[in-house]
C-alpha atoms as a PDB file:
ATOM      1  CA  MET A   1      41.030 -33.600   9.025  1.00  0.00           C
ATOM      2  CA  ALA A   2      38.984 -35.261   6.271  1.00  0.00           C
ATOM      3  CA  ILE A   3      36.046 -35.730   8.653  1.00  0.00           C
ATOM      4  CA  THR A   4      36.117 -32.022   9.584  1.00  0.00           C
ATOM      5  CA  ALA A   5      36.143 -30.997   5.931  1.00  0.00           C
ATOM      6  CA  GLY A   6      33.293 -33.402   5.206  1.00  0.00           C
ATOM      7  CA  VAL A   7      31.217 -31.993   8.056  1.00  0.00           C
ATOM      8  CA  ALA A   8      31.889 -28.413   6.881  1.00  0.00           C
ATOM      9  CA  VAL A   9      30.830 -29.255   3.322  1.00  0.00           C
ATOM     10  CA  GLY A  10      27.733 -31.024   4.645  1.00  0.00           C
ATOM     11  CA  ILE A  11      26.748 -27.980   6.699  1.00  0.00           C
ATOM     12  CA  LEU A  12      27.192 -25.711   3.676  1.00  0.00           C
ATOM     13  CA  VAL A  13      25.091 -27.971   1.445  1.00  0.00           C
ATOM     14  CA  VAL A  14      22.298 -28.250   4.015  1.00  0.00           C
ATOM     15  CA  SER A  15      22.360 -24.480   4.667  1.00  0.00           C
ATOM     16  CA  PHE A  16      22.105 -23.726   0.949  1.00  0.00           C
ATOM     17  CA  ALA A  17      19.266 -26.228   0.489  1.00  0.00           C
ATOM     18  CA  ILE A  18      17.297 -24.759   3.396  1.00  0.00           C
ATOM     19  CA  LYS A  19      17.785 -21.179   2.163  1.00  0.00           C
ATOM     20  CA  PHE A  20      16.802 -22.137  -1.397  1.00  0.00           C
ATOM     21  CA  LEU A  21      13.717 -24.107  -0.382  1.00  0.00           C
ATOM     22  CA  ILE A  22      12.468 -21.628   2.200  1.00  0.00           C
ATOM     23  CA  GLY A  23      13.182 -18.639  -0.039  1.00  0.00           C
ATOM     24  CA  THR A  24      11.483 -20.225  -3.031  1.00  0.00           C
ATOM     25  CA  LEU A  25       8.458 -21.482  -1.143  1.00  0.00           C
ATOM     26  CA  LEU A  26       7.845 -18.423   1.011  1.00  0.00           C
ATOM     27  CA  PHE A  27       8.689 -15.601  -1.373  1.00  0.00           C
ATOM     28  CA  SER A  28       7.905 -16.945  -4.845  1.00  0.00           C
ATOM     29  CA  ASN A  29       4.581 -15.102  -4.996  1.00  0.00           C
ATOM     30  CA  GLU A  30       6.031 -11.642  -4.520  1.00  0.00           C
ATOM     31  CA  MET A  31       4.772  -9.387  -7.297  1.00  0.00           C
ATOM     32  CA  ALA A  32       7.416  -7.536  -9.289  1.00  0.00           C
ATOM     33  CA  CYS A  33       4.969  -4.873 -10.555  1.00  0.00           C
ATOM     34  CA  SER A  34       1.648  -3.396  -9.497  1.00  0.00           C
ATOM     35  CA  GLU A  35      -1.592  -5.045 -10.541  1.00  0.00           C
ATOM     36  CA  GLY A  36      -2.279  -4.371 -14.222  1.00  0.00           C
ATOM     37  CA  GLU A  37       1.405  -3.971 -14.995  1.00  0.00           C
ATOM     38  CA  ALA A  38       4.014  -6.465 -16.151  1.00  0.00           C
ATOM     39  CA  PRO A  39       7.804  -6.455 -15.815  1.00  0.00           C
ATOM     40  CA  THR A  40      10.134  -5.844 -18.728  1.00  0.00           C
ATOM     41  CA  ASN A  41      13.876  -6.031 -19.274  1.00  0.00           C
ATOM     42  CA  ASP A  42      15.960  -3.638 -21.338  1.00  0.00           C
ATOM     43  CA  ILE A  43      19.014  -4.353 -23.438  1.00  0.00           C
ATOM     44  CA  TYR A  44      21.311  -2.878 -20.781  1.00  0.00           C
ATOM     45  CA  GLY A  45      20.177  -5.247 -18.038  1.00  0.00           C
ATOM     46  CA  GLY A  46      17.708  -2.894 -16.366  1.00  0.00           C
ATOM     47  CA  SER A  47      14.022  -3.483 -15.793  1.00  0.00           C
ATOM     48  CA  ALA A  48      10.788  -1.500 -15.594  1.00  0.00           C
ATOM     49  CA  CYS A  49       7.047  -2.052 -15.266  1.00  0.00           C
ATOM     50  CA  PHE A  50       4.621  -1.192 -18.061  1.00  0.00           C
ATOM     51  CA  THR A  51       0.857  -1.489 -18.383  1.00  0.00           C
ATOM     52  CA  GLU A  52      -0.019  -4.954 -19.703  1.00  0.00           C
ATOM     53  CA  GLY A  53      -0.753  -5.095 -23.419  1.00  0.00           C
ATOM     54  CA  THR A  54       0.924  -1.813 -24.344  1.00  0.00           C
ATOM     55  CA  GLU A  55       3.602  -1.436 -26.982  1.00  0.00           C
ATOM     56  CA  LEU A  56       7.031  -1.332 -25.369  1.00  0.00           C
ATOM     57  CA  PRO A  57       9.651   1.313 -26.085  1.00  0.00           C
ATOM     58  CA  GLU A  58      12.595   0.284 -28.234  1.00  0.00           C
ATOM     59  CA  GLY A  59      15.099  -1.897 -26.368  1.00  0.00           C
ATOM     60  CA  PHE A  60      12.556  -3.398 -23.925  1.00  0.00           C
ATOM     61  CA  THR A  61      11.113  -6.926 -23.932  1.00  0.00           C
ATOM     62  CA  TRP A  62       8.507  -8.518 -21.685  1.00  0.00           C
ATOM     63  CA  ASP A  63      10.030 -10.538 -18.848  1.00  0.00           C
ATOM     64  CA  VAL A  64       9.237 -14.188 -19.616  1.00  0.00           C
ATOM     65  CA  ARG A  65       9.108 -14.994 -15.880  1.00  0.00           C
ATOM     66  CA  GLY A  66       5.932 -12.950 -15.546  1.00  0.00           C
ATOM     67  CA  ASN A  67       4.907 -10.674 -12.719  1.00  0.00           C
ATOM     68  CA  TYR A  68       6.428 -12.690  -9.885  1.00  0.00           C
ATOM     69  CA  THR A  69       9.910 -12.821  -8.481  1.00  0.00           C
ATOM     70  CA  ILE A  70      11.757 -15.625  -6.764  1.00  0.00           C
ATOM     71  CA  ASN A  71      14.293 -14.626  -4.164  1.00  0.00           C
END
């Protein structure tokens, strides 16, 4: 019983590691916004893209992660 549980946990850990590594390495350069735009976050948890260097509407801040997403 303990061996079965250990194998199951091992499979879960390896599966998570593979998904994390492959997802991060393959999809980390996906742009969140079009060229010339940068992502922002609002105070309600939403997001939007605005032209880089413009003044943001009230309640929005620039996304510190930049214009790329990591899946």
